[in-house]
Amino acid sequence: LSMNSPRSETLFPLVQNITDLLRSILERGQAQGVFRLH
């Protein structure tokens, strides 16, 4: 991912569930005032 290798785009679906989950947690926390995010 740091080298933007030719395989990077194919890696995205493998980590999508991880990033989607983190995004969801952060967005819910921000909406509830639990997290303060820029």
ModelCIF file with pLDDT and N, C-alpha, C, O atoms, coordinates in Angstrom:
data_MODEL
#
_entry.id   MODEL 
#
_entity.id                         1 
_entity.type                       polymer 
_entity.pdbx_number_of_molecules   1 
#
_entity_poly.entity_id                      1 
_entity_poly.type                           'polypeptide(L)' 
_entity_poly.nstd_linkage                   no 
_entity_poly.nstd_monomer                   no 
_entity_poly.pdbx_seq_one_letter_code       LSMNSPRSETLFPLVQNITDLLRSILERGQAQGVFRLH 
_entity_poly.pdbx_seq_one_letter_code_can   LSMNSPRSETLFPLVQNITDLLRSILERGQAQGVFRLH 
_entity_poly.pdbx_strand_id                 A 
#
loop_
_entity_poly_seq.entity_id 
_entity_poly_seq.num 
_entity_poly_seq.mon_id 
_entity_poly_seq.hetero 
1 1  LEU n 
1 2  SER n 
1 3  MET n 
1 4  ASN n 
1 5  SER n 
1 6  PRO n 
1 7  ARG n 
1 8  SER n 
1 9  GLU n 
1 10 THR n 
1 11 LEU n 
1 12 PHE n 
1 13 PRO n 
1 14 LEU n 
1 15 VAL n 
1 16 GLN n 
1 17 ASN n 
1 18 ILE n 
1 19 THR n 
1 20 ASP n 
1 21 LEU n 
1 22 LEU n 
1 23 ARG n 
1 24 SER n 
1 25 ILE n 
1 26 LEU n 
1 27 GLU n 
1 28 ARG n 
1 29 GLY n 
1 30 GLN n 
1 31 ALA n 
1 32 GLN n 
1 33 GLY n 
1 34 VAL n 
1 35 PHE n 
1 36 ARG n 
1 37 LEU n 
1 38 HIS n 
#
_struct_asym.id          A 
_struct_asym.entity_id   1 
#
loop_
_ma_qa_metric.id 
_ma_qa_metric.mode 
_ma_qa_metric.name 
_ma_qa_metric.software_group_id 
_ma_qa_metric.type 
1 global pLDDT . pLDDT 
2 local  pLDDT . pLDDT 
#
_ma_qa_metric_global.metric_id      1 
_ma_qa_metric_global.metric_value   91.24 
_ma_qa_metric_global.model_id       1 
_ma_qa_metric_global.ordinal_id     1 
#
loop_
_ma_qa_metric_local.label_asym_id 
_ma_qa_metric_local.label_comp_id 
_ma_qa_metric_local.label_seq_id 
_ma_qa_metric_local.metric_id 
_ma_qa_metric_local.metric_value 
_ma_qa_metric_local.model_id 
_ma_qa_metric_local.ordinal_id 
A LEU 1  2 81.00 1 1  
A SER 2  2 81.00 1 2  
A MET 3  2 84.00 1 3  
A ASN 4  2 85.00 1 4  
A SER 5  2 88.00 1 5  
A PRO 6  2 89.00 1 6  
A ARG 7  2 90.00 1 7  
A SER 8  2 86.00 1 8  
A GLU 9  2 87.00 1 9  
A THR 10 2 88.00 1 10 
A LEU 11 2 88.00 1 11 
A PHE 12 2 86.00 1 12 
A PRO 13 2 86.00 1 13 
A LEU 14 2 85.00 1 14 
A VAL 15 2 88.00 1 15 
A GLN 16 2 88.00 1 16 
A ASN 17 2 89.00 1 17 
A ILE 18 2 92.00 1 18 
A THR 19 2 93.00 1 19 
A ASP 20 2 94.00 1 20 
A LEU 21 2 95.00 1 21 
A LEU 22 2 96.00 1 22 
A ARG 23 2 96.00 1 23 
A SER 24 2 96.00 1 24 
A ILE 25 2 96.00 1 25 
A LEU 26 2 97.00 1 26 
A GLU 27 2 96.00 1 27 
A ARG 28 2 96.00 1 28 
A GLY 29 2 96.00 1 29 
A GLN 30 2 96.00 1 30 
A ALA 31 2 96.00 1 31 
A GLN 32 2 95.00 1 32 
A GLY 33 2 95.00 1 33 
A VAL 34 2 95.00 1 34 
A PHE 35 2 96.00 1 35 
A ARG 36 2 94.00 1 36 
A LEU 37 2 95.00 1 37 
A HIS 38 2 93.00 1 38 
#
loop_
_atom_site.group_PDB 
_atom_site.id 
_atom_site.type_symbol 
_atom_site.label_atom_id 
_atom_site.label_alt_id 
_atom_site.label_comp_id 
_atom_site.label_asym_id 
_atom_site.label_entity_id 
_atom_site.label_seq_id 
_atom_site.pdbx_PDB_ins_code 
_atom_site.Cartn_x 
_atom_site.Cartn_y 
_atom_site.Cartn_z 
_atom_site.occupancy 
_atom_site.B_iso_or_equiv 
_atom_site.pdbx_formal_charge 
_atom_site.auth_seq_id 
_atom_site.auth_comp_id 
_atom_site.auth_asym_id 
_atom_site.auth_atom_id 
_atom_site.pdbx_PDB_model_num 
ATOM 1   N N  . LEU A 1 1  ? 0.812   -1.206 0.000  1.00 81.00 ? 1  LEU A N  1 
ATOM 2   C CA . LEU A 1 1  ? 0.000   0.000  0.000  1.00 81.00 ? 1  LEU A CA 1 
ATOM 3   C C  . LEU A 1 1  ? 0.852   1.266  0.000  1.00 81.00 ? 1  LEU A C  1 
ATOM 4   O O  . LEU A 1 1  ? 0.486   2.257  -0.631 1.00 81.00 ? 1  LEU A O  1 
ATOM 5   N N  . SER A 1 2  ? 1.975   1.243  0.695  1.00 81.00 ? 2  SER A N  1 
ATOM 6   C CA . SER A 1 2  ? 2.812   2.450  0.734  1.00 81.00 ? 2  SER A CA 1 
ATOM 7   C C  . SER A 1 2  ? 3.545   2.675  -0.584 1.00 81.00 ? 2  SER A C  1 
ATOM 8   O O  . SER A 1 2  ? 3.883   3.809  -0.923 1.00 81.00 ? 2  SER A O  1 
ATOM 9   N N  . MET A 1 3  ? 3.791   1.608  -1.320 1.00 84.00 ? 3  MET A N  1 
ATOM 10  C CA . MET A 1 3  ? 4.495   1.741  -2.601 1.00 84.00 ? 3  MET A CA 1 
ATOM 11  C C  . MET A 1 3  ? 3.534   1.856  -3.780 1.00 84.00 ? 3  MET A C  1 
ATOM 12  O O  . MET A 1 3  ? 3.971   1.950  -4.927 1.00 84.00 ? 3  MET A O  1 
ATOM 13  N N  . ASN A 1 4  ? 2.231   1.849  -3.511 1.00 85.00 ? 4  ASN A N  1 
ATOM 14  C CA . ASN A 1 4  ? 1.245   1.866  -4.592 1.00 85.00 ? 4  ASN A CA 1 
ATOM 15  C C  . ASN A 1 4  ? 1.583   0.832  -5.657 1.00 85.00 ? 4  ASN A C  1 
ATOM 16  O O  . ASN A 1 4  ? 1.633   1.136  -6.848 1.00 85.00 ? 4  ASN A O  1 
ATOM 17  N N  . SER A 1 5  ? 1.811   -0.384 -5.208 1.00 88.00 ? 5  SER A N  1 
ATOM 18  C CA . SER A 1 5  ? 2.204   -1.459 -6.116 1.00 88.00 ? 5  SER A CA 1 
ATOM 19  C C  . SER A 1 5  ? 1.074   -1.772 -7.097 1.00 88.00 ? 5  SER A C  1 
ATOM 20  O O  . SER A 1 5  ? -0.061  -1.340 -6.897 1.00 88.00 ? 5  SER A O  1 
ATOM 21  N N  . PRO A 1 6  ? 1.381   -2.514 -8.145 1.00 89.00 ? 6  PRO A N  1 
ATOM 22  C CA . PRO A 1 6  ? 0.333   -2.908 -9.091 1.00 89.00 ? 6  PRO A CA 1 
ATOM 23  C C  . PRO A 1 6  ? -0.773  -3.746 -8.437 1.00 89.00 ? 6  PRO A C  1 
ATOM 24  O O  . PRO A 1 6  ? -1.856  -3.884 -9.007 1.00 89.00 ? 6  PRO A O  1 
ATOM 25  N N  . ARG A 1 7  ? -0.519  -4.294 -7.273 1.00 90.00 ? 7  ARG A N  1 
ATOM 26  C CA . ARG A 1 7  ? -1.513  -5.106 -6.572 1.00 90.00 ? 7  ARG A CA 1 
ATOM 27  C C  . ARG A 1 7  ? -2.359  -4.302 -5.581 1.00 90.00 ? 7  ARG A C  1 
ATOM 28  O O  . ARG A 1 7  ? -3.308  -4.832 -5.003 1.00 90.00 ? 7  ARG A O  1 
ATOM 29  N N  . SER A 1 8  ? -2.021  -3.034 -5.385 1.00 86.00 ? 8  SER A N  1 
ATOM 30  C CA . SER A 1 8  ? -2.715  -2.220 -4.380 1.00 86.00 ? 8  SER A CA 1 
ATOM 31  C C  . SER A 1 8  ? -4.223  -2.200 -4.583 1.00 86.00 ? 8  SER A C  1 
ATOM 32  O O  . SER A 1 8  ? -4.979  -2.400 -3.632 1.00 86.00 ? 8  SER A O  1 
ATOM 33  N N  . GLU A 1 9  ? -4.661  -1.964 -5.792 1.00 87.00 ? 9  GLU A N  1 
ATOM 34  C CA . GLU A 1 9  ? -6.116  -1.881 -6.054 1.00 87.00 ? 9  GLU A CA 1 
ATOM 35  C C  . GLU A 1 9  ? -6.807  -3.195 -5.722 1.00 87.00 ? 9  GLU A C  1 
ATOM 36  O O  . GLU A 1 9  ? -7.945  -3.188 -5.254 1.00 87.00 ? 9  GLU A O  1 
ATOM 37  N N  . THR A 1 10 ? -6.143  -4.319 -5.954 1.00 88.00 ? 10 THR A N  1 
ATOM 38  C CA . THR A 1 10 ? -6.734  -5.621 -5.663 1.00 88.00 ? 10 THR A CA 1 
ATOM 39  C C  . THR A 1 10 ? -6.741  -5.885 -4.162 1.00 88.00 ? 10 THR A C  1 
ATOM 40  O O  . THR A 1 10 ? -7.542  -6.683 -3.675 1.00 88.00 ? 10 THR A O  1 
ATOM 41  N N  . LEU A 1 11 ? -5.859  -5.223 -3.432 1.00 88.00 ? 11 LEU A N  1 
ATOM 42  C CA . LEU A 1 11 ? -5.830  -5.366 -1.972 1.00 88.00 ? 11 LEU A CA 1 
ATOM 43  C C  . LEU A 1 11 ? -7.006  -4.663 -1.297 1.00 88.00 ? 11 LEU A C  1 
ATOM 44  O O  . LEU A 1 11 ? -7.446  -5.086 -0.228 1.00 88.00 ? 11 LEU A O  1 
ATOM 45  N N  . PHE A 1 12 ? -7.511  -3.609 -1.901 1.00 86.00 ? 12 PHE A N  1 
ATOM 46  C CA . PHE A 1 12 ? -8.561  -2.820 -1.263 1.00 86.00 ? 12 PHE A CA 1 
ATOM 47  C C  . PHE A 1 12 ? -9.746  -3.666 -0.794 1.00 86.00 ? 12 PHE A C  1 
ATOM 48  O O  . PHE A 1 12 ? -10.176 -3.513 0.350  1.00 86.00 ? 12 PHE A O  1 
ATOM 49  N N  . PRO A 1 13 ? -10.290 -4.553 -1.632 1.00 86.00 ? 13 PRO A N  1 
ATOM 50  C CA . PRO A 1 13 ? -11.426 -5.357 -1.145 1.00 86.00 ? 13 PRO A CA 1 
ATOM 51  C C  . PRO A 1 13 ? -11.069 -6.249 0.053  1.00 86.00 ? 13 PRO A C  1 
ATOM 52  O O  . PRO A 1 13 ? -11.939 -6.571 0.862  1.00 86.00 ? 13 PRO A O  1 
ATOM 53  N N  . LEU A 1 14 ? -9.802  -6.646 0.170  1.00 85.00 ? 14 LEU A N  1 
ATOM 54  C CA . LEU A 1 14 ? -9.403  -7.484 1.294  1.00 85.00 ? 14 LEU A CA 1 
ATOM 55  C C  . LEU A 1 14 ? -9.428  -6.728 2.617  1.00 85.00 ? 14 LEU A C  1 
ATOM 56  O O  . LEU A 1 14 ? -9.682  -7.314 3.670  1.00 85.00 ? 14 LEU A O  1 
ATOM 57  N N  . VAL A 1 15 ? -9.168  -5.437 2.561  1.00 88.00 ? 15 VAL A N  1 
ATOM 58  C CA . VAL A 1 15 ? -9.145  -4.646 3.793  1.00 88.00 ? 15 VAL A CA 1 
ATOM 59  C C  . VAL A 1 15 ? -10.382 -3.772 3.950  1.00 88.00 ? 15 VAL A C  1 
ATOM 60  O O  . VAL A 1 15 ? -10.512 -3.060 4.945  1.00 88.00 ? 15 VAL A O  1 
ATOM 61  N N  . GLN A 1 16 ? -11.286 -3.819 2.984  1.00 88.00 ? 16 GLN A N  1 
ATOM 62  C CA . GLN A 1 16 ? -12.486 -2.967 3.012  1.00 88.00 ? 16 GLN A CA 1 
ATOM 63  C C  . GLN A 1 16 ? -13.332 -3.202 4.259  1.00 88.00 ? 16 GLN A C  1 
ATOM 64  O O  . GLN A 1 16 ? -13.827 -2.243 4.851  1.00 88.00 ? 16 GLN A O  1 
ATOM 65  N N  . ASN A 1 17 ? -13.507 -4.458 4.668  1.00 89.00 ? 17 ASN A N  1 
ATOM 66  C CA . ASN A 1 17 ? -14.317 -4.723 5.857  1.00 89.00 ? 17 ASN A CA 1 
ATOM 67  C C  . ASN A 1 17 ? -13.691 -4.085 7.099  1.00 89.00 ? 17 ASN A C  1 
ATOM 68  O O  . ASN A 1 17 ? -14.401 -3.638 7.999  1.00 89.00 ? 17 ASN A O  1 
ATOM 69  N N  . ILE A 1 18 ? -12.370 -4.048 7.140  1.00 92.00 ? 18 ILE A N  1 
ATOM 70  C CA . ILE A 1 18 ? -11.667 -3.465 8.289  1.00 92.00 ? 18 ILE A CA 1 
ATOM 71  C C  . ILE A 1 18 ? -11.852 -1.946 8.302  1.00 92.00 ? 18 ILE A C  1 
ATOM 72  O O  . ILE A 1 18 ? -12.187 -1.368 9.336  1.00 92.00 ? 18 ILE A O  1 
ATOM 73  N N  . THR A 1 19 ? -11.636 -1.314 7.173  1.00 93.00 ? 19 THR A N  1 
ATOM 74  C CA . THR A 1 19 ? -11.761 0.151  7.125  1.00 93.00 ? 19 THR A CA 1 
ATOM 75  C C  . THR A 1 19 ? -13.213 0.591  7.260  1.00 93.00 ? 19 THR A C  1 
ATOM 76  O O  . THR A 1 19 ? -13.490 1.618  7.880  1.00 93.00 ? 19 THR A O  1 
ATOM 77  N N  . ASP A 1 20 ? -14.148 -0.174 6.685  1.00 94.00 ? 20 ASP A N  1 
ATOM 78  C CA . ASP A 1 20 ? -15.566 0.173  6.838  1.00 94.00 ? 20 ASP A CA 1 
ATOM 79  C C  . ASP A 1 20 ? -15.996 0.107  8.301  1.00 94.00 ? 20 ASP A C  1 
ATOM 80  O O  . ASP A 1 20 ? -16.738 0.966  8.776  1.00 94.00 ? 20 ASP A O  1 
ATOM 81  N N  . LEU A 1 21 ? -15.530 -0.910 9.006  1.00 95.00 ? 21 LEU A N  1 
ATOM 82  C CA . LEU A 1 21 ? -15.882 -1.043 10.415 1.00 95.00 ? 21 LEU A CA 1 
ATOM 83  C C  . LEU A 1 21 ? -15.320 0.120  11.226 1.00 95.00 ? 21 LEU A C  1 
ATOM 84  O O  . LEU A 1 21 ? -16.035 0.712  12.035 1.00 95.00 ? 21 LEU A O  1 
ATOM 85  N N  . LEU A 1 22 ? -14.062 0.447  11.021 1.00 96.00 ? 22 LEU A N  1 
ATOM 86  C CA . LEU A 1 22 ? -13.460 1.558  11.749 1.00 96.00 ? 22 LEU A CA 1 
ATOM 87  C C  . LEU A 1 22 ? -14.187 2.866  11.441 1.00 96.00 ? 22 LEU A C  1 
ATOM 88  O O  . LEU A 1 22 ? -14.478 3.643  12.350 1.00 96.00 ? 22 LEU A O  1 
ATOM 89  N N  . ARG A 1 23 ? -14.478 3.108  10.173 1.00 96.00 ? 23 ARG A N  1 
ATOM 90  C CA . ARG A 1 23 ? -15.198 4.327  9.788  1.00 96.00 ? 23 ARG A CA 1 
ATOM 91  C C  . ARG A 1 23 ? -16.561 4.394  10.508 1.00 96.00 ? 23 ARG A C  1 
ATOM 92  O O  . ARG A 1 23 ? -16.948 5.444  11.021 1.00 96.00 ? 23 ARG A O  1 
ATOM 93  N N  . SER A 1 24 ? -17.261 3.287  10.537 1.00 96.00 ? 24 SER A N  1 
ATOM 94  C CA . SER A 1 24 ? -18.569 3.235  11.188 1.00 96.00 ? 24 SER A CA 1 
ATOM 95  C C  . SER A 1 24 ? -18.461 3.550  12.678 1.00 96.00 ? 24 SER A C  1 
ATOM 96  O O  . SER A 1 24 ? -19.263 4.315  13.213 1.00 96.00 ? 24 SER A O  1 
ATOM 97  N N  . ILE A 1 25 ? -17.483 2.970  13.335 1.00 96.00 ? 25 ILE A N  1 
ATOM 98  C CA . ILE A 1 25 ? -17.281 3.229  14.770 1.00 96.00 ? 25 ILE A CA 1 
ATOM 99  C C  . ILE A 1 25 ? -17.001 4.710  15.007 1.00 96.00 ? 25 ILE A C  1 
ATOM 100 O O  . ILE A 1 25 ? -17.588 5.326  15.897 1.00 96.00 ? 25 ILE A O  1 
ATOM 101 N N  . LEU A 1 26 ? -16.103 5.274  14.208 1.00 97.00 ? 26 LEU A N  1 
ATOM 102 C CA . LEU A 1 26 ? -15.731 6.679  14.395 1.00 97.00 ? 26 LEU A CA 1 
ATOM 103 C C  . LEU A 1 26 ? -16.896 7.613  14.096 1.00 97.00 ? 26 LEU A C  1 
ATOM 104 O O  . LEU A 1 26 ? -17.112 8.583  14.822 1.00 97.00 ? 26 LEU A O  1 
ATOM 105 N N  . GLU A 1 27 ? -17.645 7.332  13.039 1.00 96.00 ? 27 GLU A N  1 
ATOM 106 C CA . GLU A 1 27 ? -18.779 8.187  12.692 1.00 96.00 ? 27 GLU A CA 1 
ATOM 107 C C  . GLU A 1 27 ? -19.876 8.116  13.764 1.00 96.00 ? 27 GLU A C  1 
ATOM 108 O O  . GLU A 1 27 ? -20.465 9.140  14.109 1.00 96.00 ? 27 GLU A O  1 
ATOM 109 N N  . ARG A 1 28 ? -20.153 6.916  14.291 1.00 96.00 ? 28 ARG A N  1 
ATOM 110 C CA . ARG A 1 28 ? -21.141 6.797  15.361 1.00 96.00 ? 28 ARG A CA 1 
ATOM 111 C C  . ARG A 1 28 ? -20.668 7.530  16.608 1.00 96.00 ? 28 ARG A C  1 
ATOM 112 O O  . ARG A 1 28 ? -21.445 8.225  17.264 1.00 96.00 ? 28 ARG A O  1 
ATOM 113 N N  . GLY A 1 29 ? -19.384 7.369  16.931 1.00 96.00 ? 29 GLY A N  1 
ATOM 114 C CA . GLY A 1 29 ? -18.839 8.051  18.105 1.00 96.00 ? 29 GLY A CA 1 
ATOM 115 C C  . GLY A 1 29 ? -18.880 9.560  17.973 1.00 96.00 ? 29 GLY A C  1 
ATOM 116 O O  . GLY A 1 29 ? -19.144 10.271 18.943 1.00 96.00 ? 29 GLY A O  1 
ATOM 117 N N  . GLN A 1 30 ? -18.618 10.043 16.771 1.00 96.00 ? 30 GLN A N  1 
ATOM 118 C CA . GLN A 1 30 ? -18.667 11.483 16.532 1.00 96.00 ? 30 GLN A CA 1 
ATOM 119 C C  . GLN A 1 30 ? -20.116 11.983 16.639 1.00 96.00 ? 30 GLN A C  1 
ATOM 120 O O  . GLN A 1 30 ? -20.373 13.020 17.251 1.00 96.00 ? 30 GLN A O  1 
ATOM 121 N N  . ALA A 1 31 ? -21.052 11.248 16.047 1.00 96.00 ? 31 ALA A N  1 
ATOM 122 C CA . ALA A 1 31 ? -22.464 11.643 16.091 1.00 96.00 ? 31 ALA A CA 1 
ATOM 123 C C  . ALA A 1 31 ? -22.999 11.660 17.527 1.00 96.00 ? 31 ALA A C  1 
ATOM 124 O O  . ALA A 1 31 ? -23.847 12.487 17.862 1.00 96.00 ? 31 ALA A O  1 
ATOM 125 N N  . GLN A 1 32 ? -22.512 10.761 18.363 1.00 95.00 ? 32 GLN A N  1 
ATOM 126 C CA . GLN A 1 32 ? -22.959 10.681 19.758 1.00 95.00 ? 32 GLN A CA 1 
ATOM 127 C C  . GLN A 1 32 ? -22.180 11.618 20.688 1.00 95.00 ? 32 GLN A C  1 
ATOM 128 O O  . GLN A 1 32 ? -22.506 11.728 21.869 1.00 95.00 ? 32 GLN A O  1 
ATOM 129 N N  . GLY A 1 33 ? -21.168 12.282 20.167 1.00 95.00 ? 33 GLY A N  1 
ATOM 130 C CA . GLY A 1 33 ? -20.355 13.173 20.984 1.00 95.00 ? 33 GLY A CA 1 
ATOM 131 C C  . GLY A 1 33 ? -19.316 12.449 21.830 1.00 95.00 ? 33 GLY A C  1 
ATOM 132 O O  . GLY A 1 33 ? -18.685 13.054 22.696 1.00 95.00 ? 33 GLY A O  1 
ATOM 133 N N  . VAL A 1 34 ? -19.140 11.161 21.581 1.00 95.00 ? 34 VAL A N  1 
ATOM 134 C CA . VAL A 1 34 ? -18.146 10.365 22.311 1.00 95.00 ? 34 VAL A CA 1 
ATOM 135 C C  . VAL A 1 34 ? -16.747 10.682 21.796 1.00 95.00 ? 34 VAL A C  1 
ATOM 136 O O  . VAL A 1 34 ? -15.789 10.711 22.569 1.00 95.00 ? 34 VAL A O  1 
ATOM 137 N N  . PHE A 1 35 ? -16.630 10.920 20.493 1.00 96.00 ? 35 PHE A N  1 
ATOM 138 C CA . PHE A 1 35 ? -15.352 11.254 19.860 1.00 96.00 ? 35 PHE A CA 1 
ATOM 139 C C  . PHE A 1 35 ? -15.436 12.661 19.276 1.00 96.00 ? 35 PHE A C  1 
ATOM 140 O O  . PHE A 1 35 ? -16.481 13.087 18.783 1.00 96.00 ? 35 PHE A O  1 
ATOM 141 N N  . ARG A 1 36 ? -14.323 13.362 19.344 1.00 94.00 ? 36 ARG A N  1 
ATOM 142 C CA . ARG A 1 36 ? -14.185 14.683 18.747 1.00 94.00 ? 36 ARG A CA 1 
ATOM 143 C C  . ARG A 1 36 ? -13.156 14.546 17.629 1.00 94.00 ? 36 ARG A C  1 
ATOM 144 O O  . ARG A 1 36 ? -11.965 14.378 17.887 1.00 94.00 ? 36 ARG A O  1 
ATOM 145 N N  . LEU A 1 37 ? -13.628 14.620 16.388 1.00 95.00 ? 37 LEU A N  1 
ATOM 146 C CA . LEU A 1 37 ? -12.755 14.380 15.243 1.00 95.00 ? 37 LEU A CA 1 
ATOM 147 C C  . LEU A 1 37 ? -12.764 15.578 14.303 1.00 95.00 ? 37 LEU A C  1 
ATOM 148 O O  . LEU A 1 37 ? -13.817 16.139 14.002 1.00 95.00 ? 37 LEU A O  1 
ATOM 149 N N  . HIS A 1 38 ? -11.597 15.955 13.850 1.00 93.00 ? 38 HIS A N  1 
ATOM 150 C CA . HIS A 1 38 ? -11.505 16.976 12.808 1.00 93.00 ? 38 HIS A CA 1 
ATOM 151 C C  . HIS A 1 38 ? -11.873 16.347 11.467 1.00 93.00 ? 38 HIS A C  1 
ATOM 152 O O  . HIS A 1 38 ? -11.863 17.029 10.442 1.00 93.00 ? 38 HIS A O  1 
#
